[in-house]
Amino acid sequence: MARLLLFNKPYGVLSQFTDRGSPTLRSTLSDFIAVKGVYPAGRLDRDSEGLLLLCDDGQLQARIADPRFKLSKTYLVQVEGDPQEPALERLRQGVELNDGMTRPADVARIDEPELWPRDPPIRRRLSIPDNWLKITLREGRNRQVRRMTAAVGLPTLRLVRWSIGDWTVANIAPGQFEEIAV
């Protein structure tokens, strides 16, 4: 039976166990997870937060990370600006990025979610509103959500991966993990 860890990755933590090539020491998974033999199934950028799955089974790891399996990934995204329907519709239809057209995404405006405070906090600008979106993708390009929202004029301020498939970070505190058998 495979082991699967559901880790709530805090902001500023690398999605790897060691930090190679940096002159300054950055926080890594080894600062939070002392479980041997598990490896990240996919990545989550250093400046993003939320669900990162780690497992000890290569086939499961590939099934989670490989876009061919179209495992949905849902993000709660704080954007700068006031999202209007034409911008949201562009995200739903797919956006042209420098590496090609994205697949269509499920996108909805949402009320500000009840999340843990981010450290450091998001900058607030009195003259520019911010809003929240729930975006579900079925592919996983590098910094895709950030690039998509920027392409429609809504820069991302905070990005929290809430779920991958049926697995969620709900009820897991930042820096903590839950282990399940699959």
N, C-alpha and C. Protein backbone atom coordinates (compact mmCIF):
# COMPACT_ATOMS: atom_id res chain seq x y z
N MET A 1 0.85 -1.18 0.00
CA MET A 1 0.00 0.00 0.00
C MET A 1 0.89 1.24 0.00
N ALA A 2 0.56 2.20 -0.83
CA ALA A 2 1.36 3.41 -0.96
C ALA A 2 1.05 4.39 0.17
N ARG A 3 2.05 5.19 0.50
CA ARG A 3 1.87 6.27 1.48
C ARG A 3 1.73 7.57 0.72
N LEU A 4 0.81 8.41 1.17
CA LEU A 4 0.59 9.71 0.55
C LEU A 4 0.51 10.75 1.66
N LEU A 5 1.31 11.79 1.54
CA LEU A 5 1.29 12.90 2.48
C LEU A 5 0.60 14.09 1.83
N LEU A 6 -0.34 14.69 2.53
CA LEU A 6 -0.99 15.92 2.11
C LEU A 6 -0.35 17.02 2.95
N PHE A 7 0.50 17.82 2.33
CA PHE A 7 1.27 18.84 3.04
C PHE A 7 0.75 20.22 2.69
N ASN A 8 0.54 21.05 3.70
CA ASN A 8 0.15 22.44 3.48
C ASN A 8 1.44 23.27 3.45
N LYS A 9 1.93 23.48 2.24
CA LYS A 9 3.21 24.18 2.05
C LYS A 9 3.05 25.66 2.34
N PRO A 10 3.82 26.18 3.28
CA PRO A 10 3.76 27.62 3.54
C PRO A 10 4.43 28.43 2.43
N TYR A 11 4.11 29.69 2.38
CA TYR A 11 4.77 30.64 1.49
C TYR A 11 6.27 30.63 1.78
N GLY A 12 7.09 30.69 0.75
CA GLY A 12 8.53 30.79 0.91
C GLY A 12 9.27 29.48 1.03
N VAL A 13 8.57 28.36 1.01
CA VAL A 13 9.20 27.05 1.14
C VAL A 13 9.38 26.44 -0.25
N LEU A 14 10.57 25.91 -0.52
CA LEU A 14 10.83 25.23 -1.78
C LEU A 14 10.16 23.87 -1.79
N SER A 15 9.70 23.41 -2.95
CA SER A 15 9.04 22.11 -3.09
C SER A 15 10.05 20.99 -3.32
N GLN A 16 11.11 21.01 -2.55
CA GLN A 16 12.16 19.99 -2.64
C GLN A 16 12.79 19.86 -1.26
N PHE A 17 13.55 18.78 -1.08
CA PHE A 17 14.11 18.50 0.24
C PHE A 17 15.46 19.17 0.47
N THR A 18 16.14 19.59 -0.58
CA THR A 18 17.42 20.28 -0.42
C THR A 18 17.41 21.55 -1.26
N ASP A 19 18.25 22.49 -0.89
CA ASP A 19 18.38 23.75 -1.62
C ASP A 19 19.77 23.79 -2.23
N ARG A 20 19.81 23.47 -3.52
CA ARG A 20 21.09 23.47 -4.22
C ARG A 20 21.23 24.76 -5.02
N GLY A 21 22.41 25.34 -4.98
CA GLY A 21 22.71 26.46 -5.85
C GLY A 21 22.35 27.83 -5.31
N SER A 22 21.90 27.93 -4.09
CA SER A 22 21.57 29.24 -3.55
C SER A 22 22.61 29.64 -2.51
N PRO A 23 23.13 30.87 -2.60
CA PRO A 23 24.11 31.30 -1.60
C PRO A 23 23.49 31.52 -0.22
N THR A 24 22.16 31.76 -0.17
CA THR A 24 21.48 31.91 1.11
C THR A 24 20.62 30.68 1.36
N LEU A 25 20.54 30.28 2.59
CA LEU A 25 19.77 29.10 2.95
C LEU A 25 18.28 29.41 2.89
N ARG A 26 17.55 28.64 2.10
CA ARG A 26 16.11 28.81 1.97
C ARG A 26 15.41 27.61 2.59
N SER A 27 14.19 27.83 3.03
CA SER A 27 13.42 26.78 3.67
C SER A 27 13.01 25.73 2.64
N THR A 28 13.12 24.45 3.01
CA THR A 28 12.77 23.35 2.13
C THR A 28 11.82 22.38 2.85
N LEU A 29 11.38 21.36 2.13
CA LEU A 29 10.49 20.36 2.71
C LEU A 29 11.11 19.68 3.92
N SER A 30 12.44 19.53 3.93
CA SER A 30 13.10 18.84 5.05
C SER A 30 12.94 19.61 6.37
N ASP A 31 12.59 20.88 6.31
CA ASP A 31 12.34 21.65 7.53
C ASP A 31 11.00 21.27 8.16
N PHE A 32 10.14 20.55 7.42
CA PHE A 32 8.80 20.24 7.89
C PHE A 32 8.47 18.75 7.89
N ILE A 33 9.14 17.98 7.04
CA ILE A 33 8.77 16.58 6.85
C ILE A 33 9.99 15.69 7.11
N ALA A 34 9.87 14.85 8.13
CA ALA A 34 10.96 13.93 8.47
C ALA A 34 10.64 12.50 8.05
N VAL A 35 9.69 12.32 7.17
CA VAL A 35 9.30 11.00 6.68
C VAL A 35 10.27 10.60 5.57
N LYS A 36 10.85 9.43 5.70
CA LYS A 36 11.81 8.95 4.70
C LYS A 36 11.10 8.28 3.53
N GLY A 37 11.67 8.42 2.35
CA GLY A 37 11.20 7.69 1.18
C GLY A 37 10.02 8.29 0.45
N VAL A 38 9.63 9.52 0.79
CA VAL A 38 8.54 10.18 0.06
C VAL A 38 9.12 11.31 -0.78
N TYR A 39 8.47 11.54 -1.92
CA TYR A 39 8.95 12.56 -2.86
C TYR A 39 7.76 13.36 -3.38
N PRO A 40 7.98 14.65 -3.69
CA PRO A 40 6.86 15.47 -4.18
C PRO A 40 6.31 14.94 -5.50
N ALA A 41 4.99 14.93 -5.60
CA ALA A 41 4.31 14.57 -6.84
C ALA A 41 3.89 15.89 -7.48
N GLY A 42 4.79 16.48 -8.22
CA GLY A 42 4.57 17.80 -8.80
C GLY A 42 5.28 18.86 -7.99
N ARG A 43 5.00 20.10 -8.35
CA ARG A 43 5.67 21.23 -7.70
C ARG A 43 4.65 22.29 -7.33
N LEU A 44 5.08 23.15 -6.44
CA LEU A 44 4.33 24.34 -6.07
C LEU A 44 5.38 25.42 -5.86
N ASP A 45 5.26 26.51 -6.58
CA ASP A 45 6.27 27.56 -6.54
C ASP A 45 6.54 28.03 -5.11
N ARG A 46 7.74 28.55 -4.91
CA ARG A 46 8.15 29.05 -3.60
C ARG A 46 7.20 30.12 -3.09
N ASP A 47 6.68 30.96 -3.99
CA ASP A 47 5.80 32.05 -3.56
C ASP A 47 4.32 31.67 -3.60
N SER A 48 4.03 30.38 -3.70
CA SER A 48 2.67 29.87 -3.63
C SER A 48 2.52 29.02 -2.37
N GLU A 49 1.29 28.85 -1.95
CA GLU A 49 1.00 28.12 -0.71
C GLU A 49 0.02 26.99 -1.00
N GLY A 50 -0.15 26.12 -0.02
CA GLY A 50 -1.21 25.15 -0.10
C GLY A 50 -0.77 23.74 -0.35
N LEU A 51 -1.66 22.95 -0.96
CA LEU A 51 -1.50 21.51 -1.05
C LEU A 51 -0.35 21.08 -1.95
N LEU A 52 0.55 20.31 -1.36
CA LEU A 52 1.61 19.62 -2.08
C LEU A 52 1.52 18.17 -1.65
N LEU A 53 1.40 17.27 -2.64
CA LEU A 53 1.33 15.85 -2.34
C LEU A 53 2.71 15.23 -2.43
N LEU A 54 3.01 14.34 -1.49
CA LEU A 54 4.26 13.59 -1.50
C LEU A 54 3.91 12.13 -1.34
N CYS A 55 4.62 11.25 -2.07
CA CYS A 55 4.29 9.83 -1.95
C CYS A 55 5.54 8.99 -2.10
N ASP A 56 5.39 7.71 -1.81
CA ASP A 56 6.50 6.76 -1.89
C ASP A 56 6.32 5.76 -3.03
N ASP A 57 5.40 6.04 -3.94
CA ASP A 57 5.10 5.13 -5.03
C ASP A 57 5.26 5.87 -6.35
N GLY A 58 6.20 5.43 -7.18
CA GLY A 58 6.49 6.12 -8.44
C GLY A 58 5.32 6.18 -9.39
N GLN A 59 4.55 5.11 -9.47
CA GLN A 59 3.39 5.11 -10.38
C GLN A 59 2.33 6.11 -9.92
N LEU A 60 2.08 6.15 -8.62
CA LEU A 60 1.12 7.11 -8.08
C LEU A 60 1.64 8.54 -8.29
N GLN A 61 2.92 8.73 -8.05
CA GLN A 61 3.54 10.04 -8.24
C GLN A 61 3.35 10.51 -9.69
N ALA A 62 3.57 9.63 -10.64
CA ALA A 62 3.40 9.98 -12.06
C ALA A 62 1.95 10.27 -12.38
N ARG A 63 1.03 9.48 -11.83
CA ARG A 63 -0.39 9.70 -12.10
C ARG A 63 -0.87 11.05 -11.56
N ILE A 64 -0.33 11.46 -10.44
CA ILE A 64 -0.70 12.75 -9.85
C ILE A 64 -0.11 13.90 -10.66
N ALA A 65 1.15 13.79 -11.05
CA ALA A 65 1.86 14.90 -11.66
C ALA A 65 1.68 15.02 -13.17
N ASP A 66 1.43 13.92 -13.85
CA ASP A 66 1.39 13.93 -15.31
C ASP A 66 0.09 14.54 -15.83
N PRO A 67 0.17 15.61 -16.65
CA PRO A 67 -1.03 16.25 -17.18
C PRO A 67 -1.90 15.34 -18.04
N ARG A 68 -1.34 14.25 -18.56
CA ARG A 68 -2.15 13.33 -19.38
C ARG A 68 -3.31 12.74 -18.61
N PHE A 69 -3.17 12.66 -17.28
CA PHE A 69 -4.22 12.08 -16.45
C PHE A 69 -5.29 13.10 -16.07
N LYS A 70 -5.04 14.37 -16.39
CA LYS A 70 -6.02 15.46 -16.22
C LYS A 70 -6.60 15.53 -14.81
N LEU A 71 -5.77 15.28 -13.80
CA LEU A 71 -6.21 15.39 -12.42
C LEU A 71 -6.42 16.87 -12.12
N SER A 72 -7.60 17.25 -11.71
CA SER A 72 -7.90 18.66 -11.51
C SER A 72 -7.14 19.22 -10.32
N LYS A 73 -6.74 20.47 -10.46
CA LYS A 73 -6.05 21.20 -9.40
C LYS A 73 -6.82 22.51 -9.21
N THR A 74 -7.29 22.74 -7.98
CA THR A 74 -8.09 23.92 -7.69
C THR A 74 -7.28 24.89 -6.84
N TYR A 75 -7.32 26.15 -7.26
CA TYR A 75 -6.57 27.22 -6.62
C TYR A 75 -7.51 28.32 -6.15
N LEU A 76 -7.21 28.89 -4.99
CA LEU A 76 -7.85 30.10 -4.52
C LEU A 76 -6.86 31.21 -4.80
N VAL A 77 -7.29 32.20 -5.59
CA VAL A 77 -6.36 33.18 -6.14
C VAL A 77 -6.83 34.59 -5.81
N GLN A 78 -6.00 35.32 -5.10
CA GLN A 78 -6.27 36.72 -4.85
C GLN A 78 -5.62 37.52 -5.97
N VAL A 79 -6.43 38.30 -6.68
CA VAL A 79 -5.92 39.07 -7.81
C VAL A 79 -6.08 40.56 -7.55
N GLU A 80 -5.21 41.30 -8.20
CA GLU A 80 -5.28 42.75 -8.14
C GLU A 80 -6.24 43.21 -9.23
N GLY A 81 -7.21 44.04 -8.85
CA GLY A 81 -8.18 44.53 -9.82
C GLY A 81 -9.56 43.97 -9.56
N ASP A 82 -10.48 44.35 -10.44
CA ASP A 82 -11.87 43.95 -10.32
C ASP A 82 -12.22 43.06 -11.52
N PRO A 83 -12.22 41.75 -11.36
CA PRO A 83 -12.46 40.85 -12.49
C PRO A 83 -13.84 41.05 -13.10
N GLN A 84 -13.86 41.34 -14.37
CA GLN A 84 -15.11 41.49 -15.10
C GLN A 84 -15.34 40.24 -15.94
N GLU A 85 -16.55 40.02 -16.36
CA GLU A 85 -16.93 38.81 -17.07
C GLU A 85 -16.08 38.55 -18.33
N PRO A 86 -15.73 39.56 -19.14
CA PRO A 86 -14.90 39.25 -20.32
C PRO A 86 -13.54 38.63 -19.95
N ALA A 87 -12.91 39.10 -18.88
CA ALA A 87 -11.63 38.53 -18.45
C ALA A 87 -11.83 37.11 -17.93
N LEU A 88 -12.89 36.90 -17.16
CA LEU A 88 -13.16 35.56 -16.63
C LEU A 88 -13.47 34.59 -17.76
N GLU A 89 -14.19 35.05 -18.77
CA GLU A 89 -14.53 34.20 -19.91
C GLU A 89 -13.27 33.82 -20.69
N ARG A 90 -12.33 34.74 -20.81
CA ARG A 90 -11.05 34.40 -21.48
C ARG A 90 -10.34 33.28 -20.73
N LEU A 91 -10.33 33.36 -19.40
CA LEU A 91 -9.72 32.30 -18.61
C LEU A 91 -10.45 30.97 -18.81
N ARG A 92 -11.78 31.03 -18.88
CA ARG A 92 -12.58 29.81 -19.07
C ARG A 92 -12.33 29.18 -20.44
N GLN A 93 -12.07 29.99 -21.45
CA GLN A 93 -11.87 29.48 -22.81
C GLN A 93 -10.43 29.02 -23.05
N GLY A 94 -9.50 29.50 -22.25
CA GLY A 94 -8.08 29.24 -22.47
C GLY A 94 -7.41 30.54 -22.88
N VAL A 95 -6.18 30.70 -22.45
CA VAL A 95 -5.44 31.93 -22.67
C VAL A 95 -4.17 31.60 -23.46
N GLU A 96 -3.84 32.44 -24.40
CA GLU A 96 -2.60 32.28 -25.17
C GLU A 96 -1.43 32.78 -24.32
N LEU A 97 -0.50 31.87 -24.01
CA LEU A 97 0.71 32.21 -23.27
C LEU A 97 1.91 32.05 -24.20
N ASN A 98 3.08 32.42 -23.75
CA ASN A 98 4.26 32.31 -24.62
C ASN A 98 4.59 30.85 -24.98
N ASP A 99 4.07 29.88 -24.24
CA ASP A 99 4.31 28.48 -24.56
C ASP A 99 3.05 27.81 -25.13
N GLY A 100 2.12 28.62 -25.64
CA GLY A 100 0.94 28.09 -26.30
C GLY A 100 -0.34 28.35 -25.55
N MET A 101 -1.41 27.87 -26.12
CA MET A 101 -2.75 28.06 -25.57
C MET A 101 -2.96 27.12 -24.38
N THR A 102 -3.55 27.66 -23.31
CA THR A 102 -3.88 26.81 -22.16
C THR A 102 -5.19 26.09 -22.42
N ARG A 103 -5.40 25.03 -21.69
CA ARG A 103 -6.69 24.35 -21.74
C ARG A 103 -7.72 25.23 -21.04
N PRO A 104 -8.99 25.06 -21.35
CA PRO A 104 -10.02 25.81 -20.63
C PRO A 104 -9.95 25.52 -19.14
N ALA A 105 -10.31 26.52 -18.35
CA ALA A 105 -10.29 26.41 -16.89
C ALA A 105 -11.68 26.70 -16.34
N ASP A 106 -11.99 26.11 -15.20
CA ASP A 106 -13.20 26.48 -14.48
C ASP A 106 -12.84 27.69 -13.63
N VAL A 107 -13.57 28.79 -13.77
CA VAL A 107 -13.24 30.03 -13.08
C VAL A 107 -14.50 30.65 -12.51
N ALA A 108 -14.42 31.08 -11.25
CA ALA A 108 -15.55 31.77 -10.63
C ALA A 108 -15.01 32.81 -9.64
N ARG A 109 -15.72 33.92 -9.55
CA ARG A 109 -15.44 34.89 -8.48
C ARG A 109 -15.96 34.29 -7.19
N ILE A 110 -15.23 34.49 -6.11
CA ILE A 110 -15.66 33.99 -4.81
C ILE A 110 -15.46 35.08 -3.76
N ASP A 111 -16.17 34.93 -2.64
CA ASP A 111 -15.92 35.80 -1.50
C ASP A 111 -14.54 35.45 -0.93
N GLU A 112 -13.97 36.39 -0.21
CA GLU A 112 -12.66 36.12 0.39
C GLU A 112 -12.74 34.88 1.27
N PRO A 113 -11.92 33.87 1.00
CA PRO A 113 -11.99 32.64 1.79
C PRO A 113 -11.38 32.83 3.18
N GLU A 114 -11.78 31.96 4.09
CA GLU A 114 -11.19 31.97 5.44
C GLU A 114 -9.92 31.14 5.39
N LEU A 115 -8.80 31.84 5.25
CA LEU A 115 -7.50 31.19 5.17
C LEU A 115 -6.64 31.63 6.34
N TRP A 116 -5.56 30.93 6.55
CA TRP A 116 -4.55 31.29 7.52
C TRP A 116 -3.89 32.60 7.07
N PRO A 117 -3.35 33.38 7.99
CA PRO A 117 -2.63 34.59 7.58
C PRO A 117 -1.35 34.21 6.85
N ARG A 118 -0.99 35.00 5.86
CA ARG A 118 0.25 34.74 5.13
C ARG A 118 1.37 35.55 5.74
N ASP A 119 2.55 34.95 5.82
CA ASP A 119 3.73 35.61 6.33
C ASP A 119 4.80 35.60 5.25
N PRO A 120 5.15 36.75 4.69
CA PRO A 120 4.68 38.10 5.01
C PRO A 120 3.30 38.34 4.42
N PRO A 121 2.58 39.33 4.99
CA PRO A 121 1.23 39.61 4.47
C PRO A 121 1.27 40.18 3.06
N ILE A 122 0.16 40.06 2.36
CA ILE A 122 -0.01 40.63 1.02
C ILE A 122 -0.04 42.14 1.15
N ARG A 123 0.61 42.82 0.23
CA ARG A 123 0.56 44.29 0.23
C ARG A 123 -0.84 44.73 -0.18
N ARG A 124 -1.33 45.74 0.45
CA ARG A 124 -2.64 46.31 0.13
C ARG A 124 -2.44 47.70 -0.45
N ARG A 125 -3.15 47.98 -1.55
CA ARG A 125 -3.10 49.30 -2.16
C ARG A 125 -4.49 49.90 -2.08
N LEU A 126 -4.58 51.03 -1.43
CA LEU A 126 -5.89 51.65 -1.20
C LEU A 126 -6.60 52.02 -2.49
N SER A 127 -5.83 52.37 -3.53
CA SER A 127 -6.46 52.82 -4.77
C SER A 127 -6.80 51.70 -5.74
N ILE A 128 -6.35 50.47 -5.46
CA ILE A 128 -6.61 49.35 -6.37
C ILE A 128 -7.27 48.22 -5.58
N PRO A 129 -8.47 47.81 -5.99
CA PRO A 129 -9.15 46.73 -5.27
C PRO A 129 -8.48 45.38 -5.53
N ASP A 130 -8.76 44.45 -4.64
CA ASP A 130 -8.35 43.06 -4.90
C ASP A 130 -9.56 42.18 -4.70
N ASN A 131 -9.56 41.06 -5.39
CA ASN A 131 -10.69 40.12 -5.37
C ASN A 131 -10.16 38.70 -5.40
N TRP A 132 -11.05 37.76 -5.15
CA TRP A 132 -10.68 36.35 -5.12
C TRP A 132 -11.36 35.58 -6.24
N LEU A 133 -10.61 34.65 -6.81
CA LEU A 133 -11.12 33.73 -7.82
C LEU A 133 -10.86 32.30 -7.37
N LYS A 134 -11.71 31.41 -7.82
CA LYS A 134 -11.47 29.97 -7.67
C LYS A 134 -11.23 29.46 -9.08
N ILE A 135 -10.03 28.92 -9.31
CA ILE A 135 -9.62 28.47 -10.65
C ILE A 135 -9.25 27.00 -10.58
N THR A 136 -9.86 26.20 -11.45
CA THR A 136 -9.54 24.78 -11.53
C THR A 136 -8.93 24.49 -12.89
N LEU A 137 -7.72 23.90 -12.87
CA LEU A 137 -6.99 23.55 -14.08
C LEU A 137 -6.90 22.04 -14.20
N ARG A 138 -6.67 21.58 -15.43
CA ARG A 138 -6.43 20.16 -15.69
C ARG A 138 -5.13 19.98 -16.45
N GLU A 139 -4.22 20.91 -16.22
CA GLU A 139 -2.85 20.83 -16.75
C GLU A 139 -1.97 21.53 -15.74
N GLY A 140 -0.68 21.49 -15.93
CA GLY A 140 0.21 22.07 -14.92
C GLY A 140 1.47 22.64 -15.51
N ARG A 141 1.36 23.78 -16.14
CA ARG A 141 2.55 24.45 -16.67
C ARG A 141 3.21 25.29 -15.57
N ASN A 142 4.45 25.63 -15.82
CA ASN A 142 5.21 26.44 -14.89
C ASN A 142 4.51 27.79 -14.65
N ARG A 143 4.20 28.08 -13.39
CA ARG A 143 3.59 29.35 -12.97
C ARG A 143 2.34 29.68 -13.79
N GLN A 144 1.59 28.67 -14.15
CA GLN A 144 0.48 28.82 -15.08
C GLN A 144 -0.61 29.77 -14.58
N VAL A 145 -1.07 29.62 -13.35
CA VAL A 145 -2.15 30.47 -12.86
C VAL A 145 -1.71 31.92 -12.87
N ARG A 146 -0.52 32.19 -12.40
CA ARG A 146 -0.02 33.57 -12.37
C ARG A 146 0.07 34.15 -13.79
N ARG A 147 0.55 33.35 -14.72
CA ARG A 147 0.67 33.84 -16.10
C ARG A 147 -0.70 34.05 -16.74
N MET A 148 -1.65 33.17 -16.43
CA MET A 148 -3.00 33.31 -16.99
C MET A 148 -3.69 34.57 -16.47
N THR A 149 -3.64 34.78 -15.16
CA THR A 149 -4.32 35.96 -14.62
C THR A 149 -3.64 37.24 -15.11
N ALA A 150 -2.33 37.23 -15.22
CA ALA A 150 -1.62 38.41 -15.74
C ALA A 150 -2.02 38.68 -17.19
N ALA A 151 -2.21 37.63 -17.97
CA ALA A 151 -2.56 37.78 -19.38
C ALA A 151 -3.92 38.46 -19.57
N VAL A 152 -4.79 38.37 -18.57
CA VAL A 152 -6.09 39.03 -18.69
C VAL A 152 -6.16 40.29 -17.82
N GLY A 153 -5.00 40.79 -17.40
CA GLY A 153 -4.94 42.05 -16.67
C GLY A 153 -5.26 41.98 -15.19
N LEU A 154 -5.10 40.79 -14.59
CA LEU A 154 -5.40 40.59 -13.17
C LEU A 154 -4.20 39.94 -12.48
N PRO A 155 -3.17 40.72 -12.14
CA PRO A 155 -1.99 40.12 -11.51
C PRO A 155 -2.34 39.37 -10.22
N THR A 156 -1.72 38.23 -10.02
CA THR A 156 -1.94 37.42 -8.82
C THR A 156 -1.17 38.01 -7.65
N LEU A 157 -1.87 38.17 -6.53
CA LEU A 157 -1.25 38.63 -5.30
C LEU A 157 -0.96 37.46 -4.35
N ARG A 158 -1.89 36.53 -4.28
CA ARG A 158 -1.74 35.36 -3.41
C ARG A 158 -2.32 34.16 -4.13
N LEU A 159 -1.60 33.03 -4.04
CA LEU A 159 -2.02 31.82 -4.73
C LEU A 159 -1.96 30.65 -3.75
N VAL A 160 -3.12 30.03 -3.53
CA VAL A 160 -3.23 28.90 -2.61
C VAL A 160 -3.81 27.72 -3.38
N ARG A 161 -3.03 26.64 -3.49
CA ARG A 161 -3.60 25.43 -4.10
C ARG A 161 -4.43 24.75 -3.02
N TRP A 162 -5.73 24.66 -3.30
CA TRP A 162 -6.67 24.14 -2.32
C TRP A 162 -6.85 22.63 -2.44
N SER A 163 -6.84 22.13 -3.68
CA SER A 163 -7.06 20.69 -3.83
C SER A 163 -6.41 20.17 -5.10
N ILE A 164 -6.16 18.87 -5.08
CA ILE A 164 -5.71 18.10 -6.24
C ILE A 164 -6.62 16.89 -6.27
N GLY A 165 -7.44 16.78 -7.33
CA GLY A 165 -8.44 15.71 -7.36
C GLY A 165 -9.33 15.82 -6.14
N ASP A 166 -9.49 14.73 -5.40
CA ASP A 166 -10.32 14.72 -4.20
C ASP A 166 -9.55 15.07 -2.93
N TRP A 167 -8.23 15.21 -3.04
CA TRP A 167 -7.41 15.55 -1.87
C TRP A 167 -7.41 17.05 -1.66
N THR A 168 -7.55 17.46 -0.40
CA THR A 168 -7.62 18.89 -0.10
C THR A 168 -6.74 19.25 1.10
N VAL A 169 -6.43 20.52 1.17
CA VAL A 169 -5.63 21.04 2.27
C VAL A 169 -6.53 21.56 3.41
N ALA A 170 -7.84 21.46 3.23
CA ALA A 170 -8.78 21.90 4.28
C ALA A 170 -8.42 21.19 5.59
N ASN A 171 -8.42 21.94 6.66
CA ASN A 171 -8.15 21.43 8.01
C ASN A 171 -6.72 20.99 8.26
N ILE A 172 -5.79 21.36 7.37
CA ILE A 172 -4.37 21.10 7.61
C ILE A 172 -3.68 22.45 7.75
N ALA A 173 -3.08 22.71 8.87
CA ALA A 173 -2.44 23.99 9.14
C ALA A 173 -1.17 24.15 8.28
N PRO A 174 -0.79 25.37 7.96
CA PRO A 174 0.45 25.58 7.20
C PRO A 174 1.64 24.94 7.91
N GLY A 175 2.47 24.25 7.15
CA GLY A 175 3.63 23.58 7.70
C GLY A 175 3.34 22.20 8.26
N GLN A 176 2.09 21.78 8.22
CA GLN A 176 1.70 20.47 8.75
C GLN A 176 1.30 19.54 7.61
N PHE A 177 1.26 18.25 7.88
CA PHE A 177 0.83 17.29 6.87
C PHE A 177 -0.04 16.23 7.50
N GLU A 178 -0.80 15.59 6.64
CA GLU A 178 -1.64 14.45 7.02
C GLU A 178 -1.21 13.29 6.16
N GLU A 179 -1.02 12.13 6.77
CA GLU A 179 -0.63 10.93 6.01
C GLU A 179 -1.84 10.04 5.81
N ILE A 180 -2.01 9.59 4.55
CA ILE A 180 -3.09 8.65 4.26
C ILE A 180 -2.51 7.47 3.48
N ALA A 181 -3.18 6.35 3.57
CA ALA A 181 -2.79 5.17 2.80
C ALA A 181 -3.67 5.12 1.57
N VAL A 182 -3.07 4.84 0.41
CA VAL A 182 -3.84 4.73 -0.83
C VAL A 182 -3.51 3.42 -1.53
